PDB file of N, CA and C in Angstrom:
ATOM      1  N   MET A   1      32.152  34.738 -39.196  1.00  0.00           N
ATOM      2  CA  MET A   1      32.826  34.490 -37.728  1.00  0.00           C
ATOM      3  C   MET A   1      31.471  34.752 -36.843  1.00  0.00           C
ATOM      4  N   PHE A   2      31.389  33.508 -35.847  1.00  0.00           N
ATOM      5  CA  PHE A   2      30.397  33.666 -34.875  1.00  0.00           C
ATOM      6  C   PHE A   2      30.828  34.268 -33.755  1.00  0.00           C
ATOM      7  N   MET A   3      29.786  34.967 -33.096  1.00  0.00           N
ATOM      8  CA  MET A   3      30.102  35.634 -31.785  1.00  0.00           C
ATOM      9  C   MET A   3      29.934  34.486 -30.799  1.00  0.00           C
ATOM     10  N   LYS A   4      30.826  34.691 -29.726  1.00  0.00           N
ATOM     11  CA  LYS A   4      30.687  33.949 -28.301  1.00  0.00           C
ATOM     12  C   LYS A   4      29.816  34.634 -27.557  1.00  0.00           C
ATOM     13  N   VAL A   5      28.994  33.655 -27.014  1.00  0.00           N
ATOM     14  CA  VAL A   5      27.957  33.849 -26.088  1.00  0.00           C
ATOM     15  C   VAL A   5      28.757  34.876 -24.885  1.00  0.00           C
ATOM     16  N   ASN A   6      29.650  34.986 -24.478  1.00  0.00           N
ATOM     17  CA  ASN A   6      30.225  35.724 -23.352  1.00  0.00           C
ATOM     18  C   ASN A   6      30.616  37.068 -23.916  1.00  0.00           C
ATOM     19  N   GLU A   7      30.906  37.155 -25.185  1.00  0.00           N
ATOM     20  CA  GLU A   7      30.915  38.449 -25.779  1.00  0.00           C
ATOM     21  C   GLU A   7      29.796  39.242 -26.092  1.00  0.00           C
ATOM     22  N   ILE A   8      28.806  38.563 -26.286  1.00  0.00           N
ATOM     23  CA  ILE A   8      27.459  39.348 -26.359  1.00  0.00           C
ATOM     24  C   ILE A   8      26.886  39.775 -25.153  1.00  0.00           C
ATOM     25  N   ASN A   9      27.189  38.933 -24.122  1.00  0.00           N
ATOM     26  CA  ASN A   9      26.926  39.437 -22.569  1.00  0.00           C
ATOM     27  C   ASN A   9      27.991  40.382 -22.291  1.00  0.00           C
ATOM     28  N   TYR A  10      28.903  40.449 -22.457  1.00  0.00           N
ATOM     29  CA  TYR A  10      29.790  41.713 -22.088  1.00  0.00           C
ATOM     30  C   TYR A  10      29.391  42.909 -22.733  1.00  0.00           C
ATOM     31  N   LEU A  11      28.925  43.023 -24.168  1.00  0.00           N
ATOM     32  CA  LEU A  11      28.427  44.267 -24.810  1.00  0.00           C
ATOM     33  C   LEU A  11      27.261  44.558 -24.241  1.00  0.00           C
ATOM     34  N   ILE A  12      26.102  43.606 -23.997  1.00  0.00           N
ATOM     35  CA  ILE A  12      24.773  44.036 -23.184  1.00  0.00           C
ATOM     36  C   ILE A  12      25.123  44.746 -21.728  1.00  0.00           C
ATOM     37  N   LYS A  13      26.448  43.914 -21.014  1.00  0.00           N
ATOM     38  CA  LYS A  13      26.327  44.525 -19.558  1.00  0.00           C
ATOM     39  C   LYS A  13      27.461  45.757 -19.626  1.00  0.00           C
ATOM     40  N   GLN A  14      27.949  45.957 -20.806  1.00  0.00           N
ATOM     41  CA  GLN A  14      28.708  47.484 -20.929  1.00  0.00           C
ATOM     42  C   GLN A  14      27.530  48.441 -21.012  1.00  0.00           C
ATOM     43  N   ALA A  15      26.371  48.199 -21.802  1.00  0.00           N
ATOM     44  CA  ALA A  15      25.889  49.349 -22.174  1.00  0.00           C
ATOM     45  C   ALA A  15      24.574  49.304 -21.150  1.00  0.00           C
ATOM     46  N   ILE A  16      24.327  48.118 -20.240  1.00  0.00           N
ATOM     47  CA  ILE A  16      23.274  48.112 -19.266  1.00  0.00           C
ATOM     48  C   ILE A  16      23.680  47.564 -18.280  1.00  0.00           C
ATOM     49  N   PRO A  17      24.831  48.393 -17.370  1.00  0.00           N
ATOM     50  CA  PRO A  17      25.366  47.505 -16.469  1.00  0.00           C
ATOM     51  C   PRO A  17      24.433  46.767 -14.934  1.00  0.00           C
ATOM     52  N   ASP A  18      23.283  47.105 -15.176  1.00  0.00           N
ATOM     53  CA  ASP A  18      22.659  46.511 -14.051  1.00  0.00           C
ATOM     54  C   ASP A  18      21.796  45.345 -14.357  1.00  0.00           C
ATOM     55  N   ALA A  19      22.121  44.804 -15.897  1.00  0.00           N
ATOM     56  CA  ALA A  19      21.336  44.093 -16.500  1.00  0.00           C
ATOM     57  C   ALA A  19      21.758  42.714 -15.999  1.00  0.00           C
ATOM     58  N   CYS A  20      20.437  41.474 -15.972  1.00  0.00           N
ATOM     59  CA  CYS A  20      20.808  40.301 -15.818  1.00  0.00           C
ATOM     60  C   CYS A  20      20.170  39.686 -17.031  1.00  0.00           C
ATOM     61  N   VAL A  21      21.628  38.921 -17.530  1.00  0.00           N
ATOM     62  CA  VAL A  21      21.733  38.595 -19.025  1.00  0.00           C
ATOM     63  C   VAL A  21      21.732  37.018 -18.971  1.00  0.00           C
ATOM     64  N   SER A  22      20.674  36.658 -19.896  1.00  0.00           N
ATOM     65  CA  SER A  22      20.958  34.873 -19.890  1.00  0.00           C
ATOM     66  C   SER A  22      20.867  34.901 -21.743  1.00  0.00           C
ATOM     67  N   ILE A  23      21.911  34.376 -21.998  1.00  0.00           N
ATOM     68  CA  ILE A  23      21.787  34.056 -23.745  1.00  0.00           C
ATOM     69  C   ILE A  23      22.204  32.469 -23.956  1.00  0.00           C
ATOM     70  N   LYS A  24      21.595  32.046 -24.969  1.00  0.00           N
ATOM     71  CA  LYS A  24      21.767  30.838 -25.535  1.00  0.00           C
ATOM     72  C   LYS A  24      22.275  30.770 -27.064  1.00  0.00           C
ATOM     73  N   ASN A  25      23.325  29.718 -27.305  1.00  0.00           N
ATOM     74  CA  ASN A  25      23.437  29.809 -28.702  1.00  0.00           C
ATOM     75  C   ASN A  25      22.465  28.787 -29.287  1.00  0.00           C
ATOM     76  N   LEU A  26      21.684  29.049 -30.258  1.00  0.00           N
ATOM     77  CA  LEU A  26      20.647  28.044 -30.712  1.00  0.00           C
ATOM     78  C   LEU A  26      21.177  26.985 -31.472  1.00  0.00           C
ATOM     79  N   HIS A  27      22.057  27.947 -32.550  1.00  0.00           N
ATOM     80  CA  HIS A  27      22.613  27.205 -33.541  1.00  0.00           C
ATOM     81  C   HIS A  27      23.219  28.307 -34.358  1.00  0.00           C
ATOM     82  N   ASP A  28      24.612  27.879 -34.610  1.00  0.00           N
ATOM     83  CA  ASP A  28      25.700  28.699 -35.234  1.00  0.00           C
ATOM     84  C   ASP A  28      25.849  30.306 -34.759  1.00  0.00           C
ATOM     85  N   ASN A  29      25.198  30.793 -35.717  1.00  0.00           N
ATOM     86  CA  ASN A  29      25.357  32.432 -34.950  1.00  0.00           C
ATOM     87  C   ASN A  29      23.913  32.696 -34.849  1.00  0.00           C
ATOM     88  N   ASN A  30      22.864  32.047 -34.186  1.00  0.00           N
ATOM     89  CA  ASN A  30      21.434  32.559 -33.937  1.00  0.00           C
ATOM     90  C   ASN A  30      21.494  32.287 -32.619  1.00  0.00           C
ATOM     91  N   TYR A  31      20.861  33.166 -31.816  1.00  0.00           N
ATOM     92  CA  TYR A  31      21.036  33.369 -30.349  1.00  0.00           C
ATOM     93  C   TYR A  31      19.553  33.653 -29.760  1.00  0.00           C
ATOM     94  N   SER A  32      19.336  33.246 -28.565  1.00  0.00           N
ATOM     95  CA  SER A  32      18.196  33.686 -27.815  1.00  0.00           C
ATOM     96  C   SER A  32      18.760  34.508 -26.588  1.00  0.00           C
ATOM     97  N   CYS A  33      18.091  35.463 -26.315  1.00  0.00           N
ATOM     98  CA  CYS A  33      18.905  36.067 -24.904  1.00  0.00           C
ATOM     99  C   CYS A  33      17.333  36.590 -24.312  1.00  0.00           C
ATOM    100  N   TYR A  34      17.496  36.660 -22.793  1.00  0.00           N
ATOM    101  CA  TYR A  34      16.739  37.514 -22.118  1.00  0.00           C
ATOM    102  C   TYR A  34      17.599  38.528 -21.059  1.00  0.00           C
ATOM    103  N   VAL A  35      16.850  39.692 -21.168  1.00  0.00           N
ATOM    104  CA  VAL A  35      17.775  40.463 -20.369  1.00  0.00           C
ATOM    105  C   VAL A  35      16.413  41.419 -19.538  1.00  0.00           C
ATOM    106  N   GLU A  36      17.134  41.378 -18.189  1.00  0.00           N
ATOM    107  CA  GLU A  36      16.204  42.265 -17.203  1.00  0.00           C
ATOM    108  C   GLU A  36      16.985  43.301 -16.447  1.00  0.00           C
ATOM    109  N   SER A  37      16.316  44.663 -16.608  1.00  0.00           N
ATOM    110  CA  SER A  37      16.791  45.600 -16.173  1.00  0.00           C
ATOM    111  C   SER A  37      16.165  46.821 -15.690  1.00  0.00           C
ATOM    112  N   SER A  38      16.539  47.226 -14.682  1.00  0.00           N
ATOM    113  CA  SER A  38      15.571  48.654 -14.382  1.00  0.00           C
ATOM    114  C   SER A  38      15.825  49.630 -15.315  1.00  0.00           C
ATOM    115  N   ALA A  39      16.695  49.652 -16.472  1.00  0.00           N
ATOM    116  CA  ALA A  39      16.559  50.728 -17.376  1.00  0.00           C
ATOM    117  C   ALA A  39      15.487  50.479 -18.354  1.00  0.00           C
ATOM    118  N   PHE A  40      14.644  49.527 -18.348  1.00  0.00           N
ATOM    119  CA  PHE A  40      13.373  49.120 -19.213  1.00  0.00           C
ATOM    120  C   PHE A  40      12.186  49.834 -18.455  1.00  0.00           C
ATOM    121  N   GLU A  41      12.199  50.079 -17.366  1.00  0.00           N
ATOM    122  CA  GLU A  41      11.145  50.670 -16.524  1.00  0.00           C
ATOM    123  C   GLU A  41      10.794  52.058 -17.475  1.00  0.00           C
ATOM    124  N   GLY A  42       9.392  51.737 -17.505  1.00  0.00           N
ATOM    125  CA  GLY A  42       8.530  52.964 -18.545  1.00  0.00           C
ATOM    126  C   GLY A  42       8.846  52.842 -19.753  1.00  0.00           C
ATOM    127  N   LYS A  43       9.361  52.043 -20.354  1.00  0.00           N
ATOM    128  CA  LYS A  43       9.684  51.942 -21.839  1.00  0.00           C
ATOM    129  C   LYS A  43       8.725  50.742 -22.407  1.00  0.00           C
ATOM    130  N   SER A  44       8.501  51.099 -23.876  1.00  0.00           N
ATOM    131  CA  SER A  44       7.709  50.200 -24.434  1.00  0.00           C
ATOM    132  C   SER A  44       8.543  48.831 -24.706  1.00  0.00           C
ATOM    133  N   ARG A  45       8.057  47.972 -25.147  1.00  0.00           N
ATOM    134  CA  ARG A  45       8.877  46.558 -25.425  1.00  0.00           C
ATOM    135  C   ARG A  45       9.495  47.135 -26.603  1.00  0.00           C
ATOM    136  N   VAL A  46       9.215  47.781 -27.530  1.00  0.00           N
ATOM    137  CA  VAL A  46      10.155  48.220 -28.980  1.00  0.00           C
ATOM    138  C   VAL A  46      11.251  48.883 -28.080  1.00  0.00           C
ATOM    139  N   GLN A  47      11.111  50.122 -27.398  1.00  0.00           N
ATOM    140  CA  GLN A  47      12.376  50.506 -26.729  1.00  0.00           C
ATOM    141  C   GLN A  47      13.119  49.833 -26.087  1.00  0.00           C
ATOM    142  N   GLN A  48      12.742  49.024 -25.420  1.00  0.00           N
ATOM    143  CA  GLN A  48      13.460  48.094 -24.650  1.00  0.00           C
ATOM    144  C   GLN A  48      14.294  47.187 -25.605  1.00  0.00           C
ATOM    145  N   HIS A  49      13.896  46.690 -26.652  1.00  0.00           N
ATOM    146  CA  HIS A  49      14.542  46.078 -27.334  1.00  0.00           C
ATOM    147  C   HIS A  49      15.725  46.883 -28.180  1.00  0.00           C
ATOM    148  N   GLN A  50      15.401  48.135 -28.334  1.00  0.00           N
ATOM    149  CA  GLN A  50      16.208  48.996 -28.971  1.00  0.00           C
ATOM    150  C   GLN A  50      17.515  49.244 -27.932  1.00  0.00           C
ATOM    151  N   ILE A  51      17.221  49.378 -27.008  1.00  0.00           N
ATOM    152  CA  ILE A  51      18.197  49.438 -25.909  1.00  0.00           C
ATOM    153  C   ILE A  51      19.407  48.127 -26.111  1.00  0.00           C
ATOM    154  N   VAL A  52      18.771  47.021 -26.117  1.00  0.00           N
ATOM    155  CA  VAL A  52      19.713  46.066 -26.293  1.00  0.00           C
ATOM    156  C   VAL A  52      20.042  45.944 -27.778  1.00  0.00           C
ATOM    157  N   TYR A  53      19.456  46.234 -28.886  1.00  0.00           N
ATOM    158  CA  TYR A  53      20.056  45.950 -30.073  1.00  0.00           C
ATOM    159  C   TYR A  53      21.283  47.311 -30.450  1.00  0.00           C
ATOM    160  N   ASN A  54      21.110  48.148 -29.632  1.00  0.00           N
ATOM    161  CA  ASN A  54      22.265  49.370 -29.677  1.00  0.00           C
ATOM    162  C   ASN A  54      23.353  48.919 -28.856  1.00  0.00           C
ATOM    163  N   ALA A  55      23.113  48.062 -27.911  1.00  0.00           N
ATOM    164  CA  ALA A  55      24.376  47.677 -27.130  1.00  0.00           C
ATOM    165  C   ALA A  55      25.315  46.865 -27.997  1.00  0.00           C
ATOM    166  N   LEU A  56      24.474  45.998 -28.926  1.00  0.00           N
ATOM    167  CA  LEU A  56      25.333  45.129 -29.805  1.00  0.00           C
ATOM    168  C   LEU A  56      25.878  45.879 -30.996  1.00  0.00           C
ATOM    169  N   ARG A  57      26.004  47.354 -31.375  1.00  0.00           N
ATOM    170  CA  ARG A  57      26.585  47.734 -31.988  1.00  0.00           C
ATOM    171  C   ARG A  57      26.775  47.382 -33.562  1.00  0.00           C
ATOM    172  N   GLY A  58      25.574  47.103 -33.732  1.00  0.00           N
ATOM    173  CA  GLY A  58      25.386  46.666 -35.364  1.00  0.00           C
ATOM    174  C   GLY A  58      26.020  45.467 -35.514  1.00  0.00           C
ATOM    175  N   LEU A  59      25.931  44.442 -34.894  1.00  0.00           N
ATOM    176  CA  LEU A  59      26.547  43.226 -35.154  1.00  0.00           C
ATOM    177  C   LEU A  59      25.285  42.441 -35.516  1.00  0.00           C
ATOM    178  N   LEU A  60      24.044  42.654 -35.527  1.00  0.00           N
ATOM    179  CA  LEU A  60      22.794  42.065 -36.081  1.00  0.00           C
ATOM    180  C   LEU A  60      23.064  42.111 -37.480  1.00  0.00           C
ATOM    181  N   GLY A  61      22.789  40.864 -37.812  1.00  0.00           N
ATOM    182  CA  GLY A  61      23.034  40.815 -39.661  1.00  0.00           C
ATOM    183  C   GLY A  61      24.406  40.472 -40.101  1.00  0.00           C
ATOM    184  N   LYS A  62      25.608  40.799 -39.417  1.00  0.00           N
ATOM    185  CA  LYS A  62      26.896  40.588 -39.226  1.00  0.00           C
ATOM    186  C   LYS A  62      27.185  39.266 -38.754  1.00  0.00           C
ATOM    187  N   ASP A  63      27.968  39.560 -37.623  1.00  0.00           N
ATOM    188  CA  ASP A  63      28.278  38.469 -36.756  1.00  0.00           C
ATOM    189  C   ASP A  63      27.243  37.587 -35.950  1.00  0.00           C
ATOM    190  N   ILE A  64      26.000  38.528 -35.644  1.00  0.00           N
ATOM    191  CA  ILE A  64      24.979  37.978 -35.142  1.00  0.00           C
ATOM    192  C   ILE A  64      23.823  37.441 -36.137  1.00  0.00           C
ATOM    193  N   HIS A  65      23.600  36.552 -36.671  1.00  0.00           N
ATOM    194  CA  HIS A  65      22.602  36.142 -37.823  1.00  0.00           C
ATOM    195  C   HIS A  65      21.205  36.661 -37.216  1.00  0.00           C
ATOM    196  N   ALA A  66      20.826  36.337 -36.163  1.00  0.00           N
ATOM    197  CA  ALA A  66      19.373  36.169 -35.467  1.00  0.00           C
ATOM    198  C   ALA A  66      19.441  36.122 -33.865  1.00  0.00           C
ATOM    199  N   LEU A  67      18.701  36.973 -33.474  1.00  0.00           N
ATOM    200  CA  LEU A  67      18.428  37.120 -32.132  1.00  0.00           C
ATOM    201  C   LEU A  67      16.899  37.116 -31.535  1.00  0.00           C
ATOM    202  N   THR A  68      16.681  36.193 -30.934  1.00  0.00           N
ATOM    203  CA  THR A  68      15.132  36.254 -30.569  1.00  0.00           C
ATOM    204  C   THR A  68      15.384  36.837 -29.087  1.00  0.00           C
ATOM    205  N   MET A  69      14.624  37.524 -28.604  1.00  0.00           N
ATOM    206  CA  MET A  69      14.729  38.477 -27.421  1.00  0.00           C
ATOM    207  C   MET A  69      13.691  38.683 -26.306  1.00  0.00           C
ATOM    208  N   GLN A  70      14.050  38.393 -25.213  1.00  0.00           N
ATOM    209  CA  GLN A  70      12.883  38.909 -24.282  1.00  0.00           C
ATOM    210  C   GLN A  70      13.521  39.693 -23.271  1.00  0.00           C
ATOM    211  N   THR A  71      12.544  40.845 -22.831  1.00  0.00           N
ATOM    212  CA  THR A  71      13.195  41.873 -21.649  1.00  0.00           C
ATOM    213  C   THR A  71      11.917  42.011 -20.741  1.00  0.00           C
ATOM    214  N   ALA A  72      12.675  42.406 -19.754  1.00  0.00           N
ATOM    215  CA  ALA A  72      11.813  42.694 -18.536  1.00  0.00           C
ATOM    216  C   ALA A  72      12.330  43.379 -17.686  1.00  0.00           C
ATOM    217  N   THR A  73      11.753  43.977 -16.462  1.00  0.00           N
ATOM    218  CA  THR A  73      12.037  44.914 -15.577  1.00  0.00           C
ATOM    219  C   THR A  73      11.814  43.979 -14.313  1.00  0.00           C
ATOM    220  N   PRO A  74      13.017  44.148 -13.381  1.00  0.00           N
ATOM    221  CA  PRO A  74      12.981  43.625 -11.928  1.00  0.00           C
ATOM    222  C   PRO A  74      11.658  43.600 -11.407  1.00  0.00           C
ATOM    223  N   LYS A  75      11.192  42.486 -10.705  1.00  0.00           N
ATOM    224  CA  LYS A  75       9.955  42.577  -9.821  1.00  0.00           C
ATOM    225  C   LYS A  75      10.264  43.019  -8.634  1.00  0.00           C
TER     226      LYS A  75
END
């Protein structure tokens, strides 16, 4: 079963309410996403990605085969 872009967006926004999220379905259940949030301030890139992975509630490797990610803090 494939996740819909709006479902992924919803999960990220639930966990990171101030996030600006952009998601693209690259092919089947392979996605690319950009997430910008003040929640990432002072965090390493790994910590930022962990926040997003946690928001997806273990769906990676199941309903989401692959996810490339870019994270940033607001300018």
